[in-house]
C-alpha cells in the first residue's frame, strides 16, 4: 500500500491596503464644515480585511 500524501495549505495572501498589519493610519480632521486636516494621525481598523491582515 502506498503512503498517504498530506495536503499542503497555501498561506493566504496579505491584504494590500494595510500590508498585513490589520490597521491603517488616518489623518485627524478638525471642524464641522471644512474638516481641516491636522498633523496628527490615528490608527483605524482596515476596512478591507477587518483587522485580520489577510486578503479575502
C-alpha atoms as a PDB file:
ATOM      1  CA  UNK A   1       0.000   0.000   0.000  1.00  0.00           C
ATOM      2  CA  UNK A   2       1.301   3.463  -0.889  1.00  0.00           C
ATOM      3  CA  UNK A   3       1.873   6.075   1.795  1.00  0.00           C
ATOM      4  CA  UNK A   4      -0.680   8.880   2.012  1.00  0.00           C
ATOM      5  CA  UNK A   5       0.333  12.323   0.945  1.00  0.00           C
ATOM      6  CA  UNK A   6      -0.704  15.170   3.203  1.00  0.00           C
ATOM      7  CA  UNK A   7      -2.189  18.263   1.626  1.00  0.00           C
ATOM      8  CA  UNK A   8      -0.069  21.367   1.965  1.00  0.00           C
ATOM      9  CA  UNK A   9      -2.029  24.515   2.771  1.00  0.00           C
ATOM     10  CA  UNK A  10      -1.016  27.616   0.926  1.00  0.00           C
ATOM     11  CA  UNK A  11      -0.579  30.736   3.012  1.00  0.00           C
ATOM     12  CA  UNK A  12      -3.328  33.285   2.450  1.00  0.00           C
ATOM     13  CA  UNK A  13      -2.128  36.439   0.685  1.00  0.00           C
ATOM     14  CA  UNK A  14      -1.645  39.560   2.768  1.00  0.00           C
ATOM     15  CA  UNK A  15      -4.032  42.472   2.469  1.00  0.00           C
ATOM     16  CA  UNK A  16      -2.647  45.115   0.082  1.00  0.00           C
ATOM     17  CA  UNK A  17      -4.306  48.049   1.850  1.00  0.00           C
ATOM     18  CA  UNK A  18      -2.741  47.557   5.280  1.00  0.00           C
ATOM     19  CA  UNK A  19       0.254  45.412   4.302  1.00  0.00           C
ATOM     20  CA  UNK A  20      -0.881  42.525   6.511  1.00  0.00           C
ATOM     21  CA  UNK A  21      -0.963  44.577   9.739  1.00  0.00           C
ATOM     22  CA  UNK A  22      -4.741  44.853  10.075  1.00  0.00           C
ATOM     23  CA  UNK A  23      -4.569  48.569  10.840  1.00  0.00           C
ATOM     24  CA  UNK A  24      -4.292  51.720   8.760  1.00  0.00           C
ATOM     25  CA  UNK A  25      -3.483  55.292   9.761  1.00  0.00           C
ATOM     26  CA  UNK A  26      -5.782  58.199   9.060  1.00  0.00           C
ATOM     27  CA  UNK A  27      -5.366  61.935   9.348  1.00  0.00           C
ATOM     28  CA  UNK A  28      -7.296  63.642  12.136  1.00  0.00           C
ATOM     29  CA  UNK A  29      -9.761  66.242  10.854  1.00  0.00           C
ATOM     30  CA  UNK A  30     -10.954  69.171  12.958  1.00  0.00           C
ATOM     31  CA  UNK A  31     -14.002  71.360  12.348  1.00  0.00           C
ATOM     32  CA  UNK A  32     -17.558  70.689  11.328  1.00  0.00           C
ATOM     33  CA  UNK A  33     -17.874  72.414   7.967  1.00  0.00           C
ATOM     34  CA  UNK A  34     -14.468  72.413   6.301  1.00  0.00           C
ATOM     35  CA  UNK A  35     -12.834  69.498   8.145  1.00  0.00           C
ATOM     36  CA  UNK A  36      -9.340  70.996   8.420  1.00  0.00           C
ATOM     37  CA  UNK A  37      -6.592  68.350   8.467  1.00  0.00           C
ATOM     38  CA  UNK A  38      -4.107  68.412  11.331  1.00  0.00           C
ATOM     39  CA  UNK A  39      -0.639  66.891  11.551  1.00  0.00           C
ATOM     40  CA  UNK A  40      -1.916  64.251  13.995  1.00  0.00           C
ATOM     41  CA  UNK A  41      -2.571  60.662  12.870  1.00  0.00           C
ATOM     42  CA  UNK A  42      -4.721  57.911  14.377  1.00  0.00           C
ATOM     43  CA  UNK A  43      -4.867  54.179  13.742  1.00  0.00           C
ATOM     44  CA  UNK A  44      -8.029  52.594  12.434  1.00  0.00           C
ATOM     45  CA  UNK A  45      -9.173  49.071  11.623  1.00  0.00           C
ATOM     46  CA  UNK A  46      -8.551  48.159   7.992  1.00  0.00           C
ATOM     47  CA  UNK A  47     -11.895  48.227   6.195  1.00  0.00           C
ATOM     48  CA  UNK A  48     -10.811  45.727   3.532  1.00  0.00           C
ATOM     49  CA  UNK A  49      -9.703  42.829   5.761  1.00  0.00           C
ATOM     50  CA  UNK A  50     -11.435  43.847   9.040  1.00  0.00           C
ATOM     51  CA  UNK A  51      -8.240  43.560  11.071  1.00  0.00           C
ATOM     52  CA  UNK A  52      -7.187  40.060  10.019  1.00  0.00           C
ATOM     53  CA  UNK A  53      -4.405  41.194   7.699  1.00  0.00           C
ATOM     54  CA  UNK A  54      -5.381  38.585   5.093  1.00  0.00           C
ATOM     55  CA  UNK A  55      -6.858  39.293   1.674  1.00  0.00           C
ATOM     56  CA  UNK A  56     -10.256  37.754   1.022  1.00  0.00           C
END
